[in-house]
Amino acid sequence: MAALRLAHEEKWWYADRVMWTGRFSQPTADLVLEYGESVSYDWKLYEHDIAGSTAHARAQLKAGMLTQEEFDAIANGLQEILADIKAGNFSWSMKLEDVHMNIESELTRRIGAPGAKLHTARSRNDQVATDTRLYCRAQIDATLELLKDMQRALVQKASQYAEVRIPGYTHLQRAQPVTIGHHLLAYVEMLDRDAARLADCRRRVNVSPLGSGAIAGSTINLDRAGIAAELGFDSVSENSMDAIADRDYIMETLFDLSLIGTHLSRLSEDLVLWSSAEFGYCTLSDAHTTGSSLMPQKKNPDVCELTRGKSGRLYGNLVSVMVAVKGLPLTYNRDLQEDKEPLFDSFETVSLALRVNAEMVAAMRINPDRCAAAVSDPLLLATDLADYLVRRGVPFRKAHELVGKAVAVSVGTGTPLNKLSLDEFKEISPEYGEDVHEVFSLDRAFALRTNPGAPSAANTARRIAYWQNKLA
């Protein structure tokens, strides 16, 4: 948003500080106004605020609190304000503190007395709770689509390189062979859980608090269910104090966004390693990397590094809201104003992260030759060798020991494990058979991994087809 412009300076009866003079004999101090304003960021709620006000006014009309003419003036005035805001022609005033008072004051300036009736049976407490729920709902829906886009990019790349084999790692040490397809599909599964969490969170978000008033509802009873239905809520809150004080839905949303950040950060770390000269498994496009101001040869995976860093920012946003809420008595306290900046920032951060990472993954190229060289390490099949002994009747712990001894001979003599002679294997244990060298076939190793979830070619192909169909 452009720098804030002071709103109309004329003193209409509902404007600026004049609106608080009923109780107070002095205007609010300038520093207090600056300290307490939220319009510099909560202006982002304007569309939701106007939708909530329109639904509230319609309930007032149905209850006989407004005439049809007054309702039309309010509804039309709000739509005109909405158009002006979208066009960048609206002046926000910090003197009016927040998005709610800016819009309501401007409405009253434009249409007169009907605008002053709008706040009947409503408080800024239930108004902001309504606005933030509408905001969360809309942003969750948008994030769910971005998650699908990210999954599609991963599935496409998994399909393209489905059978390219690489070492899998535990403790960042080579462990067992997997495939690029299987590895990338692991992140598709993670993001699917992220989507499920957000969708589940959306159900708890989609409850209308409007009508709860400042704390105890109102003696003017409007049709809360009708308002909720107009705004697309599934239900109305059942306890006015809880509705006003509740920020669970924001904390839950921030947790879900933080976990998306965690998964993107883990993918980023894999790609930082894969794109290094030491690994060389992938090449990131020039469009998604940067150079060095000093070293002309450098090609830095900045998108990945920024994603890793921004995950910490997401965690900070979650913690800041939890800390702000943890010691608050019921119901509303001004501390709750601090929930919005972290919320806005987390959605914006995750949105951009998903978009740029989907684009980066789509443009990424896998280097099959480097992958093949790495996966040719016969030590990756040491566990398969233990399984071979188990199938010959050796208890697993004994088999583990015997393979460990074979590895020790391999390392000690500088001979690759698969190049040890049959006699050398027999010297370790007669349990090794003449077919022992067949274990070191990668084709055999993958063909035997047929259990659900294992990286056989057939399993990977089935899972790719599943995701392609689900994400179509």
Protein backbone atom coordinates (compact mmCIF):
# COMPACT_ATOMS: atom_id res chain seq x y z
CA MET A 1 0.00 0.00 0.00
CA ALA A 2 1.16 3.53 -0.69
CA ALA A 3 2.13 5.72 2.25
CA LEU A 4 -0.85 6.63 4.37
CA ARG A 5 -2.59 9.84 3.40
CA LEU A 6 -4.51 11.75 6.04
CA ALA A 7 -8.21 11.56 5.48
CA HIS A 8 -10.58 14.53 5.19
CA GLU A 9 -9.68 17.22 7.69
CA GLU A 10 -13.12 18.79 8.04
CA LYS A 11 -14.84 18.02 11.33
CA TRP A 12 -18.07 16.27 10.51
CA TRP A 13 -19.90 15.08 13.57
CA TYR A 14 -18.54 11.56 13.42
CA ALA A 15 -15.01 12.29 12.33
CA ASP A 16 -11.55 11.78 13.78
CA ARG A 17 -11.12 12.38 17.51
CA VAL A 18 -14.51 14.05 17.86
CA MET A 19 -16.17 10.63 17.84
CA TRP A 20 -14.69 9.78 21.27
CA THR A 21 -15.62 13.01 23.09
CA GLY A 22 -18.71 11.52 24.77
CA ARG A 23 -16.61 9.99 27.56
CA PHE A 24 -13.33 11.87 27.33
CA SER A 25 -12.57 15.52 27.96
CA GLN A 26 -9.23 15.48 26.14
CA PRO A 27 -8.34 14.26 22.66
CA THR A 28 -6.09 11.24 22.38
CA ALA A 29 -2.41 12.17 22.44
CA ASP A 30 -0.60 12.03 19.13
CA LEU A 31 1.91 9.47 20.40
CA VAL A 32 -0.89 7.24 21.67
CA LEU A 33 -2.56 7.45 18.27
CA GLU A 34 0.69 6.50 16.57
CA TYR A 35 1.34 3.73 19.07
CA GLY A 36 -2.14 2.26 18.87
CA GLU A 37 -3.05 2.59 15.20
CA SER A 38 -3.41 -0.57 13.16
CA VAL A 39 -4.72 0.80 9.88
CA SER A 40 -1.20 0.79 8.44
CA TYR A 41 -1.59 -2.99 8.15
CA ASP A 42 -5.20 -4.00 8.91
CA TRP A 43 -6.35 -2.07 5.84
CA LYS A 44 -5.82 -5.44 4.15
CA LEU A 45 -9.09 -6.56 5.76
CA TYR A 46 -11.11 -3.92 3.90
CA GLU A 47 -12.93 -6.28 1.55
CA HIS A 48 -13.94 -8.57 4.40
CA ASP A 49 -14.89 -5.63 6.59
CA ILE A 50 -17.21 -4.28 3.91
CA ALA A 51 -18.76 -7.71 3.32
CA GLY A 52 -19.39 -8.11 7.06
CA SER A 53 -20.90 -4.62 7.34
CA THR A 54 -23.22 -5.25 4.40
CA ALA A 55 -24.48 -8.50 5.91
CA HIS A 56 -24.89 -6.80 9.30
CA ALA A 57 -26.89 -3.97 7.71
CA ARG A 58 -29.13 -6.46 5.95
CA ALA A 59 -29.91 -8.07 9.30
CA GLN A 60 -30.71 -4.62 10.68
CA LEU A 61 -33.11 -4.12 7.78
CA LYS A 62 -34.84 -7.43 8.48
CA ALA A 63 -35.12 -6.51 12.17
CA GLY A 64 -36.69 -3.16 11.34
CA MET A 65 -33.70 -1.18 12.57
CA LEU A 66 -33.18 0.31 9.10
CA THR A 67 -35.57 1.38 6.40
CA GLN A 68 -35.07 0.04 2.90
CA GLU A 69 -33.85 3.47 1.86
CA GLU A 70 -31.30 3.55 4.67
CA PHE A 71 -30.09 0.06 3.88
CA ASP A 72 -29.70 0.91 0.20
CA ALA A 73 -27.70 4.01 1.11
CA ILE A 74 -25.41 1.94 3.34
CA ALA A 75 -24.98 -0.93 0.87
CA ASN A 76 -24.35 1.37 -2.08
CA GLY A 77 -22.04 3.58 -0.05
CA LEU A 78 -19.98 0.58 1.04
CA GLN A 79 -19.69 -0.63 -2.55
CA GLU A 80 -18.52 2.80 -3.65
CA ILE A 81 -15.89 2.79 -0.90
CA LEU A 82 -14.83 -0.72 -1.94
CA ALA A 83 -14.36 0.46 -5.52
CA ASP A 84 -12.35 3.47 -4.38
CA ILE A 85 -10.06 1.35 -2.21
CA LYS A 86 -9.41 -1.10 -5.04
CA ALA A 87 -8.68 1.81 -7.36
CA GLY A 88 -6.26 3.34 -4.86
CA ASN A 89 -8.44 6.40 -4.38
CA PHE A 90 -9.16 6.00 -0.68
CA SER A 91 -7.41 8.05 2.01
CA TRP A 92 -6.66 6.11 5.19
CA SER A 93 -6.33 8.06 8.40
CA MET A 94 -4.25 6.92 11.36
CA LYS A 95 -6.39 9.21 13.53
CA LEU A 96 -9.21 6.73 13.01
CA GLU A 97 -7.01 3.89 14.26
CA ASP A 98 -8.15 0.96 12.16
CA VAL A 99 -9.78 -0.29 9.00
CA HIS A 100 -13.20 -0.47 10.66
CA MET A 101 -13.42 3.15 11.76
CA ASN A 102 -11.87 4.43 8.54
CA ILE A 103 -14.55 2.76 6.45
CA GLU A 104 -17.43 3.55 8.78
CA SER A 105 -16.42 7.20 9.16
CA GLU A 106 -16.07 7.64 5.43
CA LEU A 107 -19.46 5.98 4.92
CA THR A 108 -21.04 8.41 7.38
CA ARG A 109 -19.34 11.33 5.71
CA ARG A 110 -20.77 10.26 2.36
CA ILE A 111 -24.33 9.25 3.29
CA GLY A 112 -24.94 11.00 6.61
CA ALA A 113 -27.13 9.66 9.42
CA PRO A 114 -27.77 6.13 8.03
CA GLY A 115 -24.03 5.45 8.29
CA ALA A 116 -24.16 6.19 12.01
CA LYS A 117 -26.74 3.44 12.45
CA LEU A 118 -24.52 0.73 11.01
CA HIS A 119 -22.75 -0.07 14.27
CA THR A 120 -25.98 -0.86 16.13
CA ALA A 121 -25.67 -4.27 17.90
CA ARG A 122 -22.06 -4.62 16.86
CA SER A 123 -18.66 -3.98 18.44
CA ARG A 124 -15.27 -3.68 16.87
CA ASN A 125 -14.50 -6.78 18.95
CA ASP A 126 -16.81 -9.08 17.02
CA GLN A 127 -16.20 -7.09 13.85
CA VAL A 128 -12.45 -7.74 13.81
CA ALA A 129 -12.97 -11.38 14.77
CA THR A 130 -15.30 -11.71 11.79
CA ASP A 131 -12.94 -9.95 9.42
CA THR A 132 -9.93 -12.05 10.38
CA ARG A 133 -11.91 -15.27 10.04
CA LEU A 134 -13.04 -14.24 6.56
CA TYR A 135 -9.46 -13.31 5.71
CA CYS A 136 -8.12 -16.64 6.99
CA ARG A 137 -10.75 -18.56 5.05
CA ALA A 138 -9.95 -16.79 1.78
CA GLN A 139 -6.20 -17.15 2.27
CA ILE A 140 -6.49 -20.83 3.22
CA ASP A 141 -8.39 -21.47 0.00
CA ALA A 142 -5.71 -19.67 -2.00
CA THR A 143 -2.92 -21.54 -0.18
CA LEU A 144 -4.58 -24.89 -0.88
CA GLU A 145 -4.42 -24.14 -4.59
CA LEU A 146 -0.76 -23.12 -4.33
CA LEU A 147 0.00 -26.37 -2.49
CA LYS A 148 -1.51 -28.26 -5.42
CA ASP A 149 0.65 -26.29 -7.84
CA MET A 150 3.74 -27.20 -5.82
CA GLN A 151 2.71 -30.84 -5.73
CA ARG A 152 2.13 -30.82 -9.50
CA ALA A 153 5.64 -29.49 -10.09
CA LEU A 154 7.12 -32.23 -7.89
CA VAL A 155 5.03 -34.97 -9.49
CA GLN A 156 5.98 -33.80 -12.98
CA LYS A 157 9.67 -33.89 -12.07
CA ALA A 158 9.24 -37.25 -10.32
CA SER A 159 7.62 -38.64 -13.44
CA GLN A 160 10.33 -37.23 -15.69
CA TYR A 161 13.11 -38.85 -13.65
CA ALA A 162 11.14 -41.67 -12.05
CA GLU A 163 13.79 -44.37 -12.43
CA VAL A 164 16.97 -42.32 -11.99
CA ARG A 165 18.67 -43.97 -9.04
CA ILE A 166 20.48 -42.13 -6.27
CA PRO A 167 21.80 -42.95 -2.83
CA GLY A 168 19.32 -42.40 -0.04
CA TYR A 169 20.79 -40.92 3.11
CA THR A 170 20.47 -41.27 6.85
CA HIS A 171 22.63 -39.03 9.06
CA LEU A 172 23.70 -37.52 5.70
CA GLN A 173 25.62 -40.75 5.07
CA ARG A 174 24.88 -43.02 2.14
CA ALA A 175 22.36 -45.61 3.28
CA GLN A 176 20.35 -47.49 0.62
CA PRO A 177 19.48 -46.87 -3.02
CA VAL A 178 16.32 -44.97 -3.89
CA THR A 179 15.15 -43.09 -6.98
CA ILE A 180 14.62 -39.43 -7.80
CA GLY A 181 10.95 -40.25 -8.34
CA HIS A 182 10.58 -41.83 -4.91
CA HIS A 183 12.51 -39.04 -3.22
CA LEU A 184 10.47 -36.20 -4.73
CA LEU A 185 7.20 -38.01 -4.06
CA ALA A 186 8.09 -37.96 -0.36
CA TYR A 187 7.59 -34.19 -0.45
CA VAL A 188 4.30 -34.59 -2.30
CA GLU A 189 3.08 -36.71 0.62
CA MET A 190 4.22 -34.06 3.13
CA LEU A 191 2.46 -31.28 1.26
CA ASP A 192 -0.68 -33.38 1.08
CA ARG A 193 -0.74 -33.62 4.86
CA ASP A 194 -0.20 -29.87 4.98
CA ALA A 195 -3.22 -29.40 2.74
CA ALA A 196 -5.30 -31.74 4.89
CA ARG A 197 -4.36 -29.82 8.02
CA LEU A 198 -5.29 -26.50 6.44
CA ALA A 199 -8.60 -27.88 5.15
CA ASP A 200 -9.39 -29.19 8.61
CA CYS A 201 -8.39 -25.87 10.17
CA ARG A 202 -10.73 -24.12 7.73
CA ARG A 203 -13.71 -25.84 9.38
CA ARG A 204 -12.84 -24.26 12.72
CA VAL A 205 -12.15 -20.91 11.06
CA ASN A 206 -15.53 -20.90 9.33
CA VAL A 207 -17.65 -20.01 12.37
CA SER A 208 -19.27 -16.58 12.61
CA PRO A 209 -18.63 -14.52 15.76
CA LEU A 210 -20.65 -11.56 14.48
CA GLY A 211 -23.40 -10.73 16.94
CA SER A 212 -21.26 -11.45 19.99
CA GLY A 213 -20.85 -7.71 20.51
CA ALA A 214 -18.14 -6.45 22.82
CA ILE A 215 -18.46 -9.40 25.23
CA ALA A 216 -22.09 -10.31 25.97
CA GLY A 217 -24.01 -9.88 22.74
CA SER A 218 -26.65 -7.17 22.52
CA THR A 219 -30.18 -6.53 23.70
CA ILE A 220 -30.95 -5.85 20.04
CA ASN A 221 -31.13 -9.36 18.66
CA LEU A 222 -30.29 -9.60 14.97
CA ASP A 223 -30.50 -12.77 12.89
CA ARG A 224 -27.02 -14.19 13.49
CA ALA A 225 -27.69 -17.29 11.41
CA GLY A 226 -28.82 -15.16 8.48
CA ILE A 227 -25.69 -13.00 8.71
CA ALA A 228 -23.52 -16.12 8.88
CA ALA A 229 -25.20 -17.66 5.86
CA GLU A 230 -24.74 -14.50 3.80
CA LEU A 231 -21.03 -14.48 4.64
CA GLY A 232 -20.61 -18.17 3.87
CA PHE A 233 -20.00 -19.30 7.44
CA ASP A 234 -21.00 -22.85 8.39
CA SER A 235 -22.34 -21.91 11.82
CA VAL A 236 -22.39 -19.25 14.53
CA SER A 237 -20.35 -19.21 17.73
CA GLU A 238 -22.17 -20.41 20.83
CA ASN A 239 -20.40 -18.39 23.52
CA SER A 240 -19.98 -14.65 23.10
CA MET A 241 -16.98 -14.45 25.42
CA ASP A 242 -15.15 -17.24 23.63
CA ALA A 243 -16.00 -15.73 20.26
CA ILE A 244 -14.41 -12.42 21.21
CA ALA A 245 -11.34 -13.83 22.95
CA ASP A 246 -10.68 -16.76 20.60
CA ARG A 247 -7.51 -16.63 18.53
CA ASP A 248 -7.11 -20.39 18.32
CA TYR A 249 -7.94 -20.29 14.65
CA ILE A 250 -5.11 -17.84 14.00
CA MET A 251 -2.58 -19.85 15.99
CA GLU A 252 -3.67 -23.08 14.30
CA THR A 253 -3.40 -21.43 10.91
CA LEU A 254 0.05 -20.09 11.74
CA PHE A 255 1.15 -23.57 12.86
CA ASP A 256 -0.06 -25.09 9.61
CA LEU A 257 1.78 -22.42 7.62
CA SER A 258 4.90 -22.99 9.71
CA LEU A 259 4.81 -26.70 8.90
CA ILE A 260 4.54 -25.92 5.19
CA GLY A 261 7.64 -23.81 5.72
CA THR A 262 9.35 -26.75 7.43
CA HIS A 263 8.71 -29.04 4.48
CA LEU A 264 9.79 -26.48 1.91
CA SER A 265 12.92 -25.87 3.99
CA ARG A 266 13.79 -29.58 3.99
CA LEU A 267 13.32 -29.75 0.24
CA SER A 268 15.51 -26.66 -0.06
CA GLU A 269 18.29 -28.30 1.92
CA ASP A 270 18.16 -31.36 -0.34
CA LEU A 271 18.43 -29.16 -3.42
CA VAL A 272 21.28 -27.12 -1.92
CA LEU A 273 23.19 -30.38 -1.49
CA TRP A 274 22.13 -31.88 -4.80
CA SER A 275 23.16 -28.79 -6.77
CA SER A 276 26.62 -28.59 -5.17
CA ALA A 277 29.71 -29.71 -7.09
CA GLU A 278 30.22 -32.44 -4.50
CA PHE A 279 26.86 -34.04 -5.31
CA GLY A 280 25.98 -32.73 -8.75
CA TYR A 281 22.65 -34.57 -8.83
CA CYS A 282 20.74 -31.58 -10.16
CA THR A 283 21.22 -28.24 -11.88
CA LEU A 284 19.01 -25.31 -10.95
CA SER A 285 18.12 -22.92 -13.74
CA ASP A 286 19.94 -19.62 -14.17
CA ALA A 287 16.59 -17.90 -13.57
CA HIS A 288 16.40 -19.33 -10.05
CA THR A 289 20.00 -18.84 -8.94
CA THR A 290 22.26 -15.85 -8.45
CA GLY A 291 25.93 -15.05 -8.88
CA SER A 292 28.60 -13.68 -6.59
CA SER A 293 29.68 -10.05 -6.48
CA LEU A 294 33.29 -11.26 -6.28
CA MET A 295 33.56 -14.82 -7.61
CA PRO A 296 32.48 -15.02 -11.26
CA GLN A 297 32.14 -18.81 -11.28
CA LYS A 298 29.49 -18.96 -8.56
CA LYS A 299 25.89 -20.09 -9.10
CA ASN A 300 24.16 -19.83 -5.75
CA PRO A 301 20.88 -21.57 -4.82
CA ASP A 302 19.43 -18.40 -3.27
CA VAL A 303 15.78 -19.47 -3.55
CA CYS A 304 16.55 -22.56 -1.47
CA GLU A 305 18.55 -20.60 1.08
CA LEU A 306 15.88 -17.92 1.40
CA THR A 307 13.24 -20.61 1.88
CA ARG A 308 15.27 -22.16 4.68
CA GLY A 309 15.60 -18.75 6.30
CA LYS A 310 11.96 -17.80 5.93
CA SER A 311 10.89 -20.95 7.76
CA GLY A 312 12.33 -19.37 10.91
CA ARG A 313 10.29 -16.26 10.24
CA LEU A 314 7.14 -18.38 10.08
CA TYR A 315 7.98 -20.00 13.42
CA GLY A 316 8.53 -16.56 14.93
CA ASN A 317 5.11 -15.39 13.78
CA LEU A 318 3.47 -18.39 15.42
CA VAL A 319 5.35 -17.97 18.69
CA SER A 320 4.68 -14.22 18.85
CA VAL A 321 0.91 -14.74 18.72
CA MET A 322 0.96 -17.63 21.19
CA VAL A 323 2.97 -15.54 23.64
CA ALA A 324 0.66 -12.56 23.17
CA VAL A 325 -2.43 -14.65 23.94
CA LYS A 326 -1.20 -16.97 26.69
CA GLY A 327 -1.65 -14.60 29.64
CA LEU A 328 -4.79 -12.74 28.60
CA PRO A 329 -7.92 -12.83 30.77
CA LEU A 330 -11.26 -13.01 28.98
CA THR A 331 -12.26 -11.36 26.81
CA TYR A 332 -10.83 -8.74 24.49
CA ASN A 333 -7.54 -7.05 25.33
CA ARG A 334 -5.62 -4.70 23.09
CA ASP A 335 -2.75 -7.21 23.00
CA LEU A 336 -4.86 -9.09 20.45
CA GLN A 337 -4.16 -6.33 17.95
CA GLU A 338 -0.74 -7.96 17.61
CA ASP A 339 -2.23 -11.03 15.91
CA LYS A 340 -2.68 -9.52 12.47
CA GLU A 341 0.79 -8.55 11.29
CA PRO A 342 2.17 -12.07 11.93
CA LEU A 343 -0.89 -13.57 10.25
CA PHE A 344 -0.62 -11.38 7.16
CA ASP A 345 3.12 -11.93 6.95
CA SER A 346 2.89 -15.72 7.21
CA PHE A 347 0.31 -16.03 4.47
CA GLU A 348 2.27 -13.70 2.21
CA THR A 349 5.54 -15.51 2.94
CA VAL A 350 4.11 -18.98 2.30
CA SER A 351 2.30 -17.82 -0.82
CA LEU A 352 5.47 -16.46 -2.40
CA ALA A 353 7.53 -19.43 -1.22
CA LEU A 354 5.16 -21.94 -2.81
CA ARG A 355 4.99 -20.02 -6.06
CA VAL A 356 8.74 -19.55 -6.49
CA ASN A 357 9.59 -23.09 -5.38
CA ALA A 358 7.07 -24.62 -7.79
CA GLU A 359 8.62 -22.58 -10.58
CA MET A 360 12.16 -23.55 -9.54
CA VAL A 361 11.37 -27.27 -9.33
CA ALA A 362 9.67 -27.20 -12.73
CA ALA A 363 12.82 -25.70 -14.27
CA MET A 364 15.26 -27.96 -12.41
CA ARG A 365 17.28 -30.51 -14.37
CA ILE A 366 18.51 -33.84 -12.97
CA ASN A 367 21.95 -35.10 -13.99
CA PRO A 368 21.55 -38.88 -14.50
CA ASP A 369 25.28 -39.58 -15.02
CA ARG A 370 26.26 -38.06 -11.66
CA CYS A 371 23.42 -39.92 -9.99
CA ALA A 372 24.50 -43.21 -11.58
CA ALA A 373 28.07 -42.74 -10.42
CA ALA A 374 26.97 -42.09 -6.85
CA VAL A 375 24.54 -44.99 -6.68
CA SER A 376 27.13 -47.45 -8.00
CA ASP A 377 28.65 -47.60 -4.51
CA PRO A 378 28.19 -51.27 -3.52
CA LEU A 379 28.03 -50.36 0.18
CA LEU A 380 24.50 -49.10 -0.52
CA LEU A 381 23.50 -52.76 -0.81
CA ALA A 382 25.01 -53.89 2.49
CA THR A 383 21.54 -54.20 4.02
CA ASP A 384 20.44 -56.25 1.01
CA LEU A 385 23.39 -58.52 1.73
CA ALA A 386 22.14 -58.99 5.29
CA ASP A 387 18.66 -59.77 3.94
CA TYR A 388 20.27 -62.35 1.63
CA LEU A 389 21.77 -64.11 4.67
CA VAL A 390 18.45 -63.95 6.51
CA ARG A 391 16.76 -65.71 3.61
CA ARG A 392 19.44 -68.41 4.02
CA GLY A 393 18.36 -68.94 7.63
CA VAL A 394 20.79 -66.66 9.46
CA PRO A 395 19.22 -64.62 12.32
CA PHE A 396 19.23 -60.94 11.42
CA ARG A 397 21.55 -59.83 14.23
CA LYS A 398 24.07 -62.48 13.17
CA ALA A 399 23.63 -61.52 9.53
CA HIS A 400 24.24 -57.87 10.45
CA GLU A 401 27.49 -58.88 12.15
CA LEU A 402 28.67 -60.97 9.19
CA VAL A 403 28.01 -58.18 6.72
CA GLY A 404 29.81 -55.76 9.03
CA LYS A 405 32.85 -58.03 8.90
CA ALA A 406 32.67 -58.11 5.10
CA VAL A 407 32.54 -54.32 5.03
CA ALA A 408 35.57 -54.18 7.33
CA VAL A 409 37.51 -56.42 4.92
CA SER A 410 36.39 -54.24 2.00
CA VAL A 411 37.50 -51.03 3.69
CA GLY A 412 40.70 -52.58 5.05
CA THR A 413 41.86 -53.95 1.72
CA GLY A 414 40.55 -51.11 -0.43
CA THR A 415 38.45 -53.62 -2.35
CA PRO A 416 34.85 -52.66 -3.25
CA LEU A 417 32.40 -54.85 -1.36
CA ASN A 418 31.04 -56.38 -4.55
CA LYS A 419 34.58 -57.24 -5.67
CA LEU A 420 35.43 -59.42 -2.71
CA SER A 421 36.00 -62.93 -3.94
CA LEU A 422 33.79 -65.86 -3.03
CA ASP A 423 36.66 -67.26 -0.97
CA GLU A 424 36.89 -64.00 0.99
CA PHE A 425 33.17 -64.14 1.72
CA LYS A 426 33.42 -67.84 2.69
CA GLU A 427 36.34 -67.07 4.98
CA ILE A 428 34.11 -64.65 6.87
CA SER A 429 31.28 -67.22 7.07
CA PRO A 430 30.23 -70.39 5.23
CA GLU A 431 26.72 -68.94 5.23
CA TYR A 432 27.70 -66.90 2.18
CA GLY A 433 26.68 -68.92 -0.89
CA GLU A 434 28.03 -69.08 -4.41
CA ASP A 435 25.27 -66.70 -5.51
CA VAL A 436 26.39 -63.95 -3.11
CA HIS A 437 27.47 -61.58 -5.90
CA GLU A 438 23.96 -61.53 -7.35
CA VAL A 439 22.99 -59.32 -4.40
CA PHE A 440 24.93 -56.43 -5.91
CA SER A 441 22.59 -55.94 -8.83
CA LEU A 442 20.65 -52.66 -8.52
CA ASP A 443 17.96 -54.06 -10.81
CA ARG A 444 17.50 -56.96 -8.41
CA ALA A 445 17.57 -54.66 -5.39
CA PHE A 446 14.74 -52.49 -6.71
CA ALA A 447 12.74 -55.43 -8.07
CA LEU A 448 12.62 -56.96 -4.59
CA ARG A 449 11.26 -53.78 -3.00
CA THR A 450 7.61 -54.45 -3.78
CA ASN A 451 5.96 -53.70 -0.44
CA PRO A 452 3.66 -50.66 -0.45
CA GLY A 453 5.75 -47.54 0.06
CA ALA A 454 8.99 -49.08 -1.19
CA PRO A 455 10.79 -47.60 -4.22
CA SER A 456 10.23 -50.29 -6.84
CA ALA A 457 9.57 -48.99 -10.35
CA ALA A 458 6.03 -50.37 -10.27
CA ASN A 459 5.24 -48.74 -6.91
CA THR A 460 6.63 -45.39 -8.03
CA ALA A 461 4.71 -45.52 -11.30
CA ARG A 462 1.47 -46.32 -9.45
CA ARG A 463 1.98 -43.47 -7.02
CA ILE A 464 2.80 -41.02 -9.78
CA ALA A 465 -0.40 -42.02 -11.57
CA TYR A 466 -2.34 -41.60 -8.33
CA TRP A 467 -1.05 -38.07 -7.80
CA GLN A 468 -1.52 -37.09 -11.41
CA ASN A 469 -5.15 -38.13 -11.19
CA LYS A 470 -5.72 -36.49 -7.80
CA LEU A 471 -4.11 -33.20 -8.83
CA ALA A 472 -5.62 -33.08 -12.32
